[in-house]
Amino acid sequence: MKRMLTIMMALPVLILAQAPTLYINEFMASNDAYWSDENGDFDDWVEIYNPGTDSVDIGGLWFTDDLTDPASHQIPDTASAITTIPPGGFLILWADKESEQGPLHMEEKLSGDGEQIGLFYISGTDTIVIDSLTFGAQIADTSSGRVADGGSDWASFPDPTAGVSNTWTPDALEGIVINEFLASNDSCCTDENGDYDDFIELYNAGSNSINIGGMYITDDLTDPASWQIPTSDASLTTLAPGGFLLLWADKESEQGVLHVEEKLGSGGEDIGLVTIFASDTSFVDSLTFGEQTTDISYGRYPDGSSTWSSLNPTPGAANAELSVINEGIIPSQFALHQNYPNPFNPSTTIRFDIAKQSFVSVNIWNLLGQKVNTLATEQMSPGSYELRFGGRDAHGQQLSSGVYMISVEAESWSSTRKMILMK
């Protein structure tokens, strides 16, 4: 399958009146069997990365494999649909000396013994280096690239990541899992617009930050390229080690990069997170689920484990089962105990006692009296309970340091305590 690119939205294209900020992000100078171009040829290639917030058309720029000859090959400026790099996106140039094959094929050929690569902006008498490097001997079918896209550190990639983020190495992607989802959200939790939408939570159990921009999300495993997550805002699509990221499955992608053109079926279906590049389609994680209960999520407990449970939803935060403690002992009265630890960072345990069968709501409030998260809303039998709170709001965003209130409300009783989040 050829690598597919989905245009997410109409974006402004930067018309080059000056040198743009672009990076030579990865290259392969000895391509024996890794990836062929659209003609089936195993050619050398160079990946260009656009770290900016505007699309950049590289048509008219110059490419060279000899930094003393910057005007070696000019990228055609007649095919902007092909030569434009979206914000946060990547573009592959084929160094095959076969420019007649298209605008992305250059009259250059990289040497596996080592040489130079340069991307230049030339206007009149001005010659400006956009990016350049000198490299040594290369290993066949192994690329060299920046460890972090646009970063200063370089490494060899036995598993190249042509046309996508260099963070997508097999080892790094092993830590990315679908951690929790809610397929029937009537009154559980809202997105930033106040809508009760289905959600999919991703968790990074690894030690490296991973930008999921450019990956695909699907609710049908036979259609892995159903929806591509935009590359235009890495600050929102990057999963930090140990972090969580929420995708709203609302078919309202116009609301932002974390809103996807999928809607989960409460009767049961699929969820898949997919990478497609270099003629390869791989599932980062996937699952098939059955019928779901309204306002009850299904997630891994503990986070990232292989054990799934029905949960009180914890979007963007550590999954928590409502645990019954001192099982068999019925409290004589309702009580909310002080959370522990307090102050806390990053999480704390909230304990409370329910003296009789009641519908119970556990909420977190700020000092302005605004509800920032709901930890539980359900019918509870008499007993002692505990919940873990990870210091995040209902949208999965980390709360700022400060004083917050815990409230536990039953049909005939309520109690409130202060807690302090310190960073």
Protein backbone atom coordinates (compact mmCIF):
# COMPACT_ATOMS: atom_id res chain seq x y z
CA MET A 1 0.00 0.00 0.00
CA LYS A 2 1.38 3.42 -0.89
CA ARG A 3 1.76 5.95 1.87
CA MET A 4 -1.34 8.13 1.96
CA LEU A 5 -1.63 11.79 2.81
CA THR A 6 -4.95 13.28 3.83
CA ILE A 7 -5.35 17.06 3.70
CA MET A 8 -7.03 18.00 6.96
CA MET A 9 -8.08 21.59 6.25
CA ALA A 10 -7.34 24.56 4.06
CA LEU A 11 -4.17 26.16 5.40
CA PRO A 12 -2.27 29.25 4.26
CA VAL A 13 0.75 28.50 2.10
CA LEU A 14 3.91 30.48 2.80
CA ILE A 15 4.95 32.14 -0.47
CA LEU A 16 8.71 32.33 -0.43
CA ALA A 17 9.79 35.95 -0.26
CA GLN A 18 12.52 34.92 2.15
CA ALA A 19 14.23 31.75 3.30
CA PRO A 20 11.78 29.52 5.21
CA THR A 21 12.61 27.51 8.32
CA LEU A 22 12.93 23.90 7.19
CA TYR A 23 15.08 20.97 8.27
CA ILE A 24 16.77 18.12 6.48
CA ASN A 25 15.30 15.65 8.94
CA GLU A 26 16.31 12.21 7.67
CA PHE A 27 18.01 10.67 4.64
CA MET A 28 19.03 7.34 3.16
CA ALA A 29 22.11 7.19 0.94
CA SER A 30 22.06 3.43 0.29
CA ASN A 31 18.55 2.15 -0.41
CA ASP A 32 18.86 -1.47 -1.53
CA ALA A 33 15.49 -2.83 -0.46
CA TYR A 34 13.90 -0.50 2.11
CA TRP A 35 11.32 1.46 0.11
CA SER A 36 10.69 2.05 -3.57
CA ASP A 37 9.41 5.20 -5.24
CA GLU A 38 6.19 5.32 -7.23
CA ASN A 39 7.99 3.64 -10.14
CA GLY A 40 9.27 0.70 -8.10
CA ASP A 41 12.85 2.00 -7.95
CA PHE A 42 14.87 1.75 -4.73
CA ASP A 43 16.34 5.25 -4.81
CA ASP A 44 18.15 7.40 -2.27
CA TRP A 45 15.88 9.87 -0.51
CA VAL A 46 15.93 12.97 1.67
CA GLU A 47 13.15 13.97 4.07
CA ILE A 48 12.36 17.66 4.63
CA TYR A 49 10.49 18.74 7.79
CA ASN A 50 8.39 21.89 8.25
CA PRO A 51 8.28 22.84 11.96
CA GLY A 52 6.21 25.97 11.38
CA THR A 53 2.52 26.84 11.59
CA ASP A 54 2.13 27.66 7.87
CA SER A 55 2.36 25.39 4.86
CA VAL A 56 5.57 25.92 2.86
CA ASP A 57 5.94 25.36 -0.88
CA ILE A 58 9.56 24.35 -1.50
CA GLY A 59 9.20 24.80 -5.25
CA GLY A 60 12.00 27.14 -6.38
CA LEU A 61 14.45 26.12 -3.64
CA TRP A 62 17.77 24.54 -4.56
CA PHE A 63 19.19 21.18 -3.50
CA THR A 64 22.80 20.03 -3.71
CA ASP A 65 25.13 17.22 -2.66
CA ASP A 66 28.10 19.63 -2.82
CA LEU A 67 27.95 22.67 -0.54
CA THR A 68 30.40 24.55 -2.79
CA ASP A 69 27.79 24.30 -5.59
CA PRO A 70 24.50 25.40 -3.96
CA ALA A 71 22.69 25.90 -7.30
CA SER A 72 23.05 22.27 -8.38
CA HIS A 73 19.35 21.33 -8.70
CA GLN A 74 16.29 23.58 -8.49
CA ILE A 75 13.07 22.01 -7.25
CA PRO A 76 10.36 22.87 -9.81
CA ASP A 77 8.00 25.67 -8.84
CA THR A 78 5.20 24.47 -11.12
CA ALA A 79 3.59 21.80 -8.92
CA SER A 80 2.70 23.37 -5.56
CA ALA A 81 0.16 20.63 -4.80
CA ILE A 82 3.09 18.21 -4.68
CA THR A 83 5.91 20.40 -3.34
CA THR A 84 4.00 21.97 -0.43
CA ILE A 85 4.75 20.76 3.11
CA PRO A 86 1.89 21.23 5.64
CA PRO A 87 2.58 22.60 9.14
CA GLY A 88 4.46 19.97 11.12
CA GLY A 89 4.62 17.82 7.99
CA PHE A 90 7.26 15.95 6.02
CA LEU A 91 8.12 15.63 2.33
CA ILE A 92 10.31 13.04 0.61
CA LEU A 93 12.68 14.08 -2.20
CA TRP A 94 14.13 11.26 -4.33
CA ALA A 95 17.85 11.64 -5.07
CA ASP A 96 17.89 9.47 -8.20
CA LYS A 97 19.09 11.73 -11.05
CA GLU A 98 15.76 11.07 -12.75
CA SER A 99 14.05 14.45 -12.57
CA GLU A 100 11.93 13.52 -15.58
CA GLN A 101 9.93 11.27 -13.20
CA GLY A 102 8.40 14.25 -11.37
CA PRO A 103 8.96 17.37 -9.25
CA LEU A 104 10.13 15.35 -6.23
CA HIS A 105 12.87 13.56 -8.21
CA MET A 106 16.19 15.42 -8.25
CA GLU A 107 19.28 15.43 -10.45
CA GLU A 108 21.35 14.35 -7.47
CA LYS A 109 22.51 10.97 -6.17
CA LEU A 110 23.72 10.47 -2.61
CA SER A 111 26.91 8.54 -1.94
CA GLY A 112 26.85 5.70 0.57
CA ASP A 113 30.51 6.49 1.27
CA GLY A 114 29.60 9.91 2.66
CA GLU A 115 29.26 13.43 1.26
CA GLN A 116 27.12 16.55 1.77
CA ILE A 117 23.48 17.61 1.56
CA GLY A 118 22.27 21.18 1.34
CA LEU A 119 18.96 23.00 0.87
CA PHE A 120 19.30 26.60 -0.30
CA TYR A 121 17.25 29.71 -0.98
CA ILE A 122 18.70 31.77 -3.84
CA SER A 123 17.33 35.18 -4.83
CA GLY A 124 19.39 37.46 -7.07
CA THR A 125 22.83 37.69 -5.53
CA ASP A 126 21.65 36.30 -2.17
CA THR A 127 22.38 32.65 -1.39
CA ILE A 128 21.04 31.49 1.98
CA VAL A 129 21.59 28.08 3.57
CA ILE A 130 18.27 26.75 4.85
CA ASP A 131 19.86 23.58 6.19
CA SER A 132 22.93 21.48 5.41
CA LEU A 133 25.04 18.63 6.72
CA THR A 134 28.08 16.53 5.96
CA PHE A 135 27.78 12.80 6.58
CA GLY A 136 30.08 9.81 6.64
CA ALA A 137 29.77 6.25 5.33
CA GLN A 138 26.23 4.83 5.50
CA ILE A 139 24.80 1.34 6.05
CA ALA A 140 22.52 -0.10 3.40
CA ASP A 141 18.79 0.28 4.16
CA THR A 142 19.59 2.26 7.33
CA SER A 143 18.73 5.95 7.44
CA SER A 144 20.31 8.78 9.41
CA GLY A 145 17.99 11.27 11.06
CA ARG A 146 17.42 13.73 13.83
CA VAL A 147 16.46 11.96 17.06
CA ALA A 148 13.73 14.54 17.62
CA ASP A 149 12.20 16.12 14.53
CA GLY A 150 14.13 19.32 13.87
CA GLY A 151 16.46 18.63 16.82
CA SER A 152 20.24 18.85 16.86
CA ASP A 153 21.07 15.24 17.76
CA TRP A 154 21.43 12.68 14.94
CA ALA A 155 21.29 8.88 15.03
CA SER A 156 21.17 5.87 12.72
CA PHE A 157 17.69 4.37 12.14
CA PRO A 158 17.77 0.62 11.38
CA ASP A 159 13.98 1.06 11.11
CA PRO A 160 13.71 4.22 9.00
CA THR A 161 10.73 6.57 9.39
CA ALA A 162 10.48 8.07 5.91
CA GLY A 163 7.82 10.78 5.61
CA VAL A 164 6.70 10.66 9.25
CA SER A 165 7.96 11.69 12.68
CA ASN A 166 11.37 10.30 13.65
CA THR A 167 9.88 9.48 17.05
CA TRP A 168 7.95 6.60 15.44
CA THR A 169 10.58 3.95 16.06
CA PRO A 170 9.32 0.43 16.89
CA ASP A 171 10.68 0.56 20.43
CA ALA A 172 9.05 3.93 21.13
CA LEU A 173 5.68 2.97 19.64
CA GLU A 174 5.51 -0.15 21.81
CA GLY A 175 4.68 2.15 24.72
CA ILE A 176 1.66 3.79 23.04
CA VAL A 177 -1.66 2.14 23.89
CA ILE A 178 -5.37 2.82 23.66
CA ASN A 179 -5.93 3.12 27.40
CA GLU A 180 -9.61 3.99 27.86
CA PHE A 181 -12.66 4.86 25.78
CA LEU A 182 -16.25 5.94 26.27
CA ALA A 183 -18.69 4.99 23.51
CA SER A 184 -21.92 6.37 25.05
CA ASN A 185 -21.44 9.75 26.74
CA ASP A 186 -24.76 11.21 27.86
CA SER A 187 -23.68 13.17 30.94
CA CYS A 188 -20.21 12.01 31.94
CA CYS A 189 -17.75 14.56 30.70
CA THR A 190 -17.58 17.37 28.17
CA ASP A 191 -15.05 18.54 25.64
CA GLU A 192 -13.78 22.13 25.62
CA ASN A 193 -17.00 23.20 23.90
CA GLY A 194 -19.31 21.69 26.49
CA ASP A 195 -20.33 18.76 24.28
CA TYR A 196 -20.84 15.25 25.69
CA ASP A 197 -18.80 13.40 23.06
CA ASP A 198 -17.32 9.93 22.88
CA PHE A 199 -13.61 9.84 23.66
CA ILE A 200 -10.54 7.70 23.11
CA GLU A 201 -7.67 8.06 25.57
CA LEU A 202 -4.09 7.21 24.59
CA TYR A 203 -1.35 6.51 27.13
CA ASN A 204 2.43 6.59 26.70
CA ALA A 205 4.01 3.90 28.86
CA GLY A 206 7.41 4.52 27.29
CA SER A 207 10.29 6.86 28.09
CA ASN A 208 10.19 9.02 24.93
CA SER A 209 7.78 11.74 23.85
CA ILE A 210 5.78 10.66 20.78
CA ASN A 211 4.01 12.99 18.37
CA ILE A 212 0.92 11.16 17.05
CA GLY A 213 0.24 13.85 14.44
CA GLY A 214 0.12 12.04 11.10
CA MET A 215 -1.09 8.75 12.57
CA TYR A 216 -4.51 7.40 11.64
CA ILE A 217 -7.47 6.58 13.87
CA THR A 218 -10.22 4.24 12.75
CA ASP A 219 -13.37 2.54 14.05
CA ASP A 220 -13.09 -0.16 11.38
CA LEU A 221 -9.91 -2.25 11.34
CA THR A 222 -10.51 -3.12 7.68
CA ASP A 223 -10.17 0.61 6.88
CA PRO A 224 -6.97 1.62 8.71
CA ALA A 225 -6.63 4.98 6.90
CA SER A 226 -10.07 6.20 7.92
CA TRP A 227 -8.95 9.48 9.55
CA GLN A 228 -5.52 11.09 9.76
CA ILE A 229 -4.69 13.09 12.88
CA PRO A 230 -3.41 16.52 11.74
CA THR A 231 0.28 17.39 11.99
CA SER A 232 -0.37 21.10 12.44
CA ASP A 233 -0.01 21.41 16.24
CA ALA A 234 2.64 19.19 17.81
CA SER A 235 2.07 20.85 21.18
CA LEU A 236 -1.37 19.20 21.31
CA THR A 237 -0.58 15.88 19.60
CA THR A 238 2.59 14.98 21.51
CA LEU A 239 2.34 12.34 24.24
CA ALA A 240 4.88 12.83 27.02
CA PRO A 241 6.30 9.78 28.83
CA GLY A 242 3.69 8.61 31.33
CA GLY A 243 1.18 11.03 29.83
CA PHE A 244 -2.35 10.81 28.48
CA LEU A 245 -3.95 12.30 25.37
CA LEU A 246 -7.66 12.55 24.57
CA LEU A 247 -9.17 12.22 21.12
CA TRP A 248 -12.82 13.27 20.89
CA ALA A 249 -14.71 10.90 18.57
CA ASP A 250 -17.40 13.38 17.57
CA LYS A 251 -17.10 13.74 13.77
CA GLU A 252 -16.43 17.44 14.36
CA SER A 253 -12.83 17.79 13.22
CA GLU A 254 -13.40 21.49 12.59
CA GLN A 255 -13.26 21.93 16.37
CA GLY A 256 -9.53 21.14 16.51
CA VAL A 257 -6.79 18.63 15.89
CA LEU A 258 -7.94 16.35 18.73
CA HIS A 259 -11.45 16.00 17.28
CA VAL A 260 -11.62 13.09 14.85
CA GLU A 261 -14.05 12.17 12.08
CA GLU A 262 -15.12 9.00 13.85
CA LYS A 263 -18.05 8.21 16.16
CA LEU A 264 -17.93 5.17 18.42
CA GLY A 265 -20.83 2.72 18.42
CA SER A 266 -22.22 1.83 21.84
CA GLY A 267 -23.37 -1.50 20.40
CA GLY A 268 -19.73 -2.48 19.87
CA GLU A 269 -17.14 -2.04 17.13
CA ASP A 270 -13.38 -1.46 16.62
CA ILE A 271 -10.78 1.13 17.55
CA GLY A 272 -7.38 1.25 15.88
CA LEU A 273 -4.37 3.58 16.00
CA VAL A 274 -2.35 3.17 12.83
CA THR A 275 0.88 4.27 11.17
CA ILE A 276 1.15 4.26 7.38
CA PHE A 277 4.51 5.03 5.77
CA ALA A 278 7.09 3.55 3.45
CA SER A 279 4.54 1.18 1.90
CA ASP A 280 3.79 -0.28 5.33
CA THR A 281 0.59 -0.20 7.38
CA SER A 282 1.01 -1.07 11.07
CA PHE A 283 -1.36 -1.03 14.02
CA VAL A 284 0.18 0.77 17.00
CA ASP A 285 -2.72 -0.59 19.06
CA SER A 286 -6.21 -1.88 18.35
CA LEU A 287 -9.18 -3.54 20.00
CA THR A 288 -12.67 -4.83 19.28
CA PHE A 289 -15.26 -4.13 21.97
CA GLY A 290 -18.83 -5.23 22.70
CA GLU A 291 -21.92 -3.40 23.88
CA GLN A 292 -21.17 -0.50 26.24
CA THR A 293 -23.04 1.07 29.18
CA THR A 294 -23.92 4.76 29.05
CA ASP A 295 -21.47 6.98 30.97
CA ILE A 296 -19.29 4.01 31.94
CA SER A 297 -15.92 3.82 30.23
CA TYR A 298 -13.86 0.74 29.41
CA GLY A 299 -10.17 0.94 30.13
CA ARG A 300 -6.94 -0.70 31.16
CA TYR A 301 -6.38 -1.01 34.87
CA PRO A 302 -3.66 -0.28 35.82
CA ASP A 303 -2.80 2.09 32.96
CA GLY A 304 -1.07 0.36 30.05
CA SER A 305 -1.70 -3.15 31.38
CA SER A 306 -3.42 -5.97 29.51
CA THR A 307 -6.34 -6.07 31.97
CA TRP A 308 -9.52 -4.22 30.94
CA SER A 309 -12.34 -3.16 33.26
CA SER A 310 -15.49 -1.07 33.27
CA LEU A 311 -14.58 2.21 34.94
CA ASN A 312 -15.87 5.48 36.22
CA PRO A 313 -14.48 7.59 33.36
CA THR A 314 -11.12 9.29 33.96
CA PRO A 315 -10.48 11.09 30.64
CA GLY A 316 -6.89 12.28 30.40
CA ALA A 317 -5.96 10.94 33.82
CA ALA A 318 -4.87 7.71 35.46
CA ASN A 319 -7.54 5.03 35.33
CA ALA A 320 -9.03 4.29 38.71
CA GLU A 321 -11.38 1.60 39.86
CA LEU A 322 -13.67 2.62 42.68
CA SER A 323 -12.20 0.35 45.33
CA VAL A 324 -14.13 -1.04 48.25
CA ILE A 325 -12.01 -1.23 51.39
CA ASN A 326 -12.79 -3.01 54.68
CA GLU A 327 -15.19 -5.17 52.69
CA GLY A 328 -18.01 -6.59 54.82
CA ILE A 329 -17.81 -3.81 57.41
CA ILE A 330 -20.73 -1.36 57.10
CA PRO A 331 -19.90 2.15 58.36
CA SER A 332 -22.23 3.52 61.05
CA GLN A 333 -22.24 6.97 59.47
CA PHE A 334 -21.34 8.84 56.31
CA ALA A 335 -17.86 10.37 56.29
CA LEU A 336 -15.33 12.00 53.96
CA HIS A 337 -11.77 11.50 55.18
CA GLN A 338 -8.86 13.82 54.44
CA ASN A 339 -7.14 12.87 51.20
CA TYR A 340 -3.63 11.37 51.45
CA PRO A 341 -1.06 12.59 50.69
CA ASN A 342 -1.96 16.23 51.18
CA PRO A 343 -0.37 18.37 49.77
CA PHE A 344 0.05 16.07 46.75
CA ASN A 345 1.85 15.81 43.41
CA PRO A 346 0.90 14.23 41.09
CA SER A 347 -1.88 12.11 42.66
CA THR A 348 -3.73 11.54 45.89
CA THR A 349 -6.19 9.04 47.39
CA ILE A 350 -9.69 10.12 48.44
CA ARG A 351 -11.50 7.92 51.02
CA PHE A 352 -15.14 8.11 52.08
CA ASP A 353 -17.75 6.01 53.91
CA ILE A 354 -21.31 5.36 52.74
CA ALA A 355 -23.68 4.30 55.55
CA LYS A 356 -26.66 3.26 53.40
CA GLN A 357 -27.52 2.59 49.76
CA SER A 358 -27.30 5.96 48.02
CA PHE A 359 -26.67 7.66 44.72
CA VAL A 360 -23.26 9.28 45.29
CA SER A 361 -21.41 12.02 43.42
CA VAL A 362 -17.71 12.79 44.00
CA ASN A 363 -16.52 16.11 42.54
CA ILE A 364 -13.48 18.40 42.52
CA TRP A 365 -13.98 22.18 42.68
CA ASN A 366 -11.72 25.22 42.50
CA LEU A 367 -11.93 28.11 44.96
CA LEU A 368 -14.21 30.04 42.58
CA GLY A 369 -16.83 27.35 43.09
CA GLN A 370 -16.35 25.94 39.57
CA LYS A 371 -16.51 22.18 39.13
CA VAL A 372 -13.26 21.01 37.49
CA ASN A 373 -13.80 17.24 37.50
CA THR A 374 -16.27 14.53 38.43
CA LEU A 375 -14.69 11.36 39.78
CA ALA A 376 -17.83 9.29 40.41
CA THR A 377 -21.59 9.50 39.90
CA GLU A 378 -23.28 6.19 40.69
CA GLN A 379 -25.39 4.12 43.02
CA MET A 380 -23.26 2.81 45.88
CA SER A 381 -23.93 0.15 48.49
CA PRO A 382 -22.97 0.70 52.14
CA GLY A 383 -19.21 0.49 52.58
CA SER A 384 -15.88 2.31 52.63
CA TYR A 385 -14.45 3.47 49.29
CA GLU A 386 -11.35 5.05 47.88
CA LEU A 387 -10.55 6.85 44.62
CA ARG A 388 -7.30 8.03 43.08
CA PHE A 389 -7.24 11.60 41.78
CA GLY A 390 -4.48 12.50 39.31
CA GLY A 391 -4.66 16.31 39.46
CA ARG A 392 -6.39 16.78 36.07
CA ASP A 393 -9.60 18.47 35.00
CA ALA A 394 -12.52 16.91 33.12
CA HIS A 395 -10.75 17.59 29.79
CA GLY A 396 -7.61 15.74 30.87
CA GLN A 397 -5.60 18.93 31.35
CA GLN A 398 -3.19 19.19 34.28
CA LEU A 399 -4.50 21.51 36.98
CA SER A 400 -2.34 24.37 38.22
CA SER A 401 -0.96 24.44 41.75
CA GLY A 402 -3.41 25.64 44.36
CA VAL A 403 -6.18 24.77 46.77
CA TYR A 404 -9.08 22.63 45.57
CA MET A 405 -12.18 21.23 47.26
CA ILE A 406 -13.35 17.60 47.33
CA SER A 407 -17.10 17.13 47.70
CA VAL A 408 -18.96 13.87 48.28
CA GLU A 409 -22.74 14.15 48.01
CA ALA A 410 -25.33 11.47 48.80
CA GLU A 411 -29.11 11.74 48.88
CA SER A 412 -29.26 12.83 52.51
CA TRP A 413 -25.66 13.89 53.25
CA SER A 414 -22.75 15.84 51.85
CA SER A 415 -19.26 16.77 52.98
CA THR A 416 -16.37 18.87 51.67
CA ARG A 417 -12.63 18.95 52.36
CA LYS A 418 -9.72 21.05 51.15
CA MET A 419 -6.72 19.61 49.36
CA ILE A 420 -3.56 21.23 47.99
CA LEU A 421 -1.92 20.47 44.67
CA MET A 422 1.76 21.46 44.72
CA LYS A 423 4.25 21.35 41.83
